[in-house]
Protein backbone atom coordinates (compact mmCIF):
# COMPACT_ATOMS: atom_id res chain seq x y z
CA MET A 1 -22.98 9.36 -20.75
CA SER A 2 -25.50 7.39 -22.75
CA SER A 3 -28.38 5.44 -21.16
CA ALA A 4 -26.65 2.15 -22.25
CA GLU A 5 -23.45 3.13 -20.48
CA SER A 6 -25.42 4.20 -17.44
CA ALA A 7 -27.28 0.90 -17.40
CA THR A 8 -23.99 -1.03 -17.55
CA GLN A 9 -22.55 1.12 -14.78
CA GLN A 10 -25.56 0.40 -12.67
CA GLU A 11 -25.48 -3.39 -13.36
CA LEU A 12 -21.78 -3.58 -12.45
CA PHE A 13 -22.44 -1.62 -9.29
CA GLU A 14 -25.19 -3.95 -8.25
CA LYS A 15 -23.11 -7.00 -9.07
CA TYR A 16 -19.89 -6.01 -7.36
CA VAL A 17 -20.56 -3.35 -4.78
CA ILE A 18 -24.04 -3.95 -3.26
CA PRO A 19 -23.23 -7.48 -2.03
CA GLU A 20 -20.19 -6.13 -0.08
CA THR A 21 -22.04 -3.38 1.76
CA GLU A 22 -22.26 -5.24 5.12
CA VAL A 23 -18.54 -6.09 5.02
CA MET A 24 -17.62 -2.50 4.19
CA PHE A 25 -19.79 -1.34 7.12
CA ARG A 26 -18.14 -3.70 9.61
CA VAL A 27 -14.68 -2.66 8.48
CA ALA A 28 -15.71 0.99 8.63
CA MET A 29 -17.01 0.50 12.19
CA SER A 30 -13.68 -0.98 13.19
CA ILE A 31 -11.84 2.02 11.70
CA THR A 32 -14.15 4.80 12.93
CA ARG A 33 -15.72 3.23 16.04
CA ASN A 34 -18.77 5.39 15.38
CA LYS A 35 -21.89 4.34 13.54
CA ALA A 36 -22.57 7.64 11.85
CA ASP A 37 -19.03 8.04 10.70
CA ALA A 38 -18.90 4.42 9.48
CA GLU A 39 -22.12 5.02 7.50
CA ASP A 40 -20.59 8.14 5.96
CA LEU A 41 -17.41 6.27 5.12
CA VAL A 42 -19.32 3.45 3.41
CA GLN A 43 -21.39 6.00 1.47
CA ASP A 44 -18.21 7.79 0.36
CA THR A 45 -16.73 4.42 -0.67
CA MET A 46 -19.84 3.46 -2.65
CA LEU A 47 -19.86 6.78 -4.43
CA ARG A 48 -16.19 6.47 -5.34
CA ALA A 49 -16.80 2.87 -6.50
CA TYR A 50 -19.77 3.86 -8.66
CA ARG A 51 -17.68 6.54 -10.36
CA SER A 52 -14.93 4.14 -11.23
CA ILE A 53 -16.81 0.81 -11.58
CA GLU A 54 -16.26 0.66 -15.36
CA LYS A 55 -12.46 0.67 -14.80
CA PHE A 56 -12.77 -2.25 -12.36
CA ASP A 57 -11.67 -5.62 -13.89
CA GLY A 58 -14.09 -7.74 -11.82
CA ARG A 59 -11.46 -9.55 -9.85
CA TYR A 60 -11.53 -9.45 -6.05
CA PRO A 61 -14.32 -6.90 -5.50
CA ARG A 62 -14.04 -6.99 -1.77
CA ALA A 63 -10.32 -6.17 -1.84
CA TRP A 64 -10.93 -3.39 -4.32
CA LEU A 65 -13.70 -1.89 -2.26
CA LEU A 66 -11.78 -2.20 1.02
CA THR A 67 -8.89 -0.42 -0.57
CA ILE A 68 -11.15 2.38 -1.70
CA LEU A 69 -12.57 2.48 1.91
CA ARG A 70 -9.12 2.62 3.50
CA ASN A 71 -8.03 5.43 1.17
CA ALA A 72 -11.27 7.33 1.89
CA ALA A 73 -10.69 6.92 5.68
CA ILE A 74 -7.12 8.19 5.31
CA ASN A 75 -8.36 11.20 3.33
CA ARG A 76 -10.96 11.93 6.00
CA VAL A 77 -8.35 11.93 8.77
CA ARG A 78 -6.09 14.19 6.67
CA ARG A 79 -8.96 16.62 6.23
CA LYS A 80 -9.70 16.61 9.99
CA ARG A 81 -6.16 17.30 11.18
CA PRO A 82 -6.55 21.01 11.38
CA GLU A 83 -9.55 20.44 13.72
CA LEU A 84 -7.40 18.12 15.86
CA MET A 85 -4.83 20.81 16.26
CA ARG A 86 -7.32 23.58 17.10
CA ASP A 87 -9.09 21.78 19.94
CA PRO A 88 -7.56 18.39 20.87
CA ASP A 89 -9.63 18.07 24.07
CA LEU A 90 -12.94 18.39 22.24
CA THR A 91 -11.77 15.88 19.62
CA MET A 92 -10.68 13.40 22.24
CA GLN A 93 -14.06 13.79 24.00
CA ARG A 94 -15.86 13.01 20.73
CA VAL A 95 -13.70 9.85 20.29
CA ALA A 96 -14.36 8.75 23.87
CA ASP A 97 -18.12 9.17 23.58
CA THR A 98 -19.90 5.89 22.79
CA ASP A 99 -23.50 5.18 21.95
CA PRO A 100 -24.97 2.84 24.59
CA ASP A 101 -27.70 1.81 22.08
CA THR A 102 -25.11 -0.01 20.05
CA ALA A 103 -24.37 -2.54 22.83
CA ASP A 104 -24.34 -6.00 21.43
CA VAL A 105 -26.56 -8.63 23.11
CA GLU A 106 -23.55 -10.98 23.44
CA ALA A 107 -21.73 -8.29 25.36
CA VAL A 108 -24.46 -8.31 27.99
CA VAL A 109 -24.38 -12.09 28.28
CA ILE A 110 -20.57 -12.47 28.54
CA ASP A 111 -19.00 -12.07 31.93
CA ARG A 112 -18.15 -8.40 32.21
CA THR A 113 -14.84 -8.92 33.97
CA PHE A 114 -13.61 -11.27 31.25
CA ASP A 115 -15.00 -8.90 28.56
CA ALA A 116 -13.12 -6.04 30.16
CA ASP A 117 -9.93 -8.09 30.29
CA VAL A 118 -10.21 -8.99 26.56
CA GLU A 119 -10.85 -5.36 25.66
CA LYS A 120 -7.89 -4.24 27.80
CA ALA A 121 -5.69 -6.89 26.12
CA LEU A 122 -6.81 -5.83 22.68
CA HIS A 123 -6.24 -2.09 23.33
CA SER A 124 -2.84 -2.72 24.74
CA LEU A 125 -1.72 -3.71 21.28
CA SER A 126 -0.40 -1.24 18.70
CA ASP A 127 -2.76 -0.12 15.97
CA LYS A 128 -1.21 -2.37 13.28
CA PHE A 129 -2.10 -5.46 15.41
CA ILE A 130 -5.57 -4.20 16.34
CA GLU A 131 -6.34 -3.67 12.63
CA VAL A 132 -5.58 -7.29 11.65
CA ILE A 133 -7.42 -8.70 14.68
CA GLU A 134 -10.54 -6.66 13.81
CA MET A 135 -10.44 -7.42 10.18
CA VAL A 136 -9.73 -11.14 10.34
CA ASP A 137 -11.10 -12.28 13.72
CA LEU A 138 -13.97 -9.87 14.15
CA ASN A 139 -15.04 -9.08 10.57
CA GLY A 140 -14.20 -12.46 9.02
CA LEU A 141 -12.02 -11.19 6.16
CA SER A 142 -9.50 -13.52 4.63
CA TYR A 143 -5.75 -12.94 4.95
CA GLN A 144 -5.70 -11.83 1.32
CA GLU A 145 -8.61 -9.42 1.71
CA THR A 146 -7.00 -7.96 4.80
CA ALA A 147 -3.62 -7.62 3.08
CA ASP A 148 -5.24 -5.84 0.12
CA ALA A 149 -7.21 -3.53 2.39
CA LEU A 150 -4.11 -2.60 4.38
CA GLY A 151 -1.70 -2.51 1.46
CA VAL A 152 0.71 -5.06 3.02
CA PRO A 153 1.78 -8.57 1.94
CA VAL A 154 -0.27 -11.53 3.13
CA GLY A 155 2.73 -12.74 5.16
CA THR A 156 2.74 -9.54 7.11
CA VAL A 157 -0.96 -10.00 7.94
CA MET A 158 -0.29 -13.58 9.10
CA SER A 159 2.72 -12.45 11.18
CA ARG A 160 0.87 -9.56 12.82
CA LEU A 161 -2.15 -11.82 13.52
CA HIS A 162 -0.03 -14.42 15.10
CA ARG A 163 1.86 -11.96 17.27
CA ALA A 164 -1.37 -10.13 18.30
CA ARG A 165 -3.06 -13.33 19.33
CA ALA A 166 -0.04 -14.46 21.30
CA LYS A 167 0.04 -11.10 23.20
CA ILE A 168 -3.70 -11.27 23.94
CA ARG A 169 -3.25 -14.89 25.23
CA LYS A 170 -0.32 -13.82 27.43
CA HIS A 171 -2.31 -10.86 28.79
CA LEU A 172 -5.34 -13.00 29.53
CA ALA A 173 -3.27 -15.71 31.15
CA SER A 174 -1.89 -13.20 33.61
CA SER A 175 -5.20 -11.43 34.24
CA GLU A 176 -7.25 -11.57 37.45
CA VAL A 177 -9.97 -13.57 35.68
CA ALA A 178 -7.49 -16.34 34.77
CA LYS A 179 -6.14 -16.48 38.26
CA GLY A 180 -9.64 -16.61 39.72
CA ARG A 181 -10.71 -19.50 37.48
CA SER A 182 -7.66 -21.64 38.13
């Protein structure tokens, strides 16, 4: 590769990839639920994007990057499957462990009972509903960006989001917190 091609590759990377780093990290956190794994996933995504940046047409860089991120996450899970089968208890323990230093300031301020009810409502949903809630409501992605990242039509994203929100509302309406505040 000549120095001119390398400079162009670097310029394209800085133009399309670097500005999306924060969004990629938030989505990676929602997928992995672990800061170190999310950082690794973003790094892997950025490396893959750098290698193929010259093939990118410049349209919808966020969707392009989130598709790469999703595929990288899927590949990571596939590579880890043998480990899951060897020691499922250890793997589940790793998933259950959380870092207390990552607690958000808002989480401390918000009423813990209500927060627990919201979390319980969210985790009562199937994965396909949790994904759209996290991407749209928590990470601020558009319907189109979410659809591109998940590889589904925009209408599917809208439908899943509507149904997920309705299920969360129903759960919260029947919770102890709602009964106590009436």
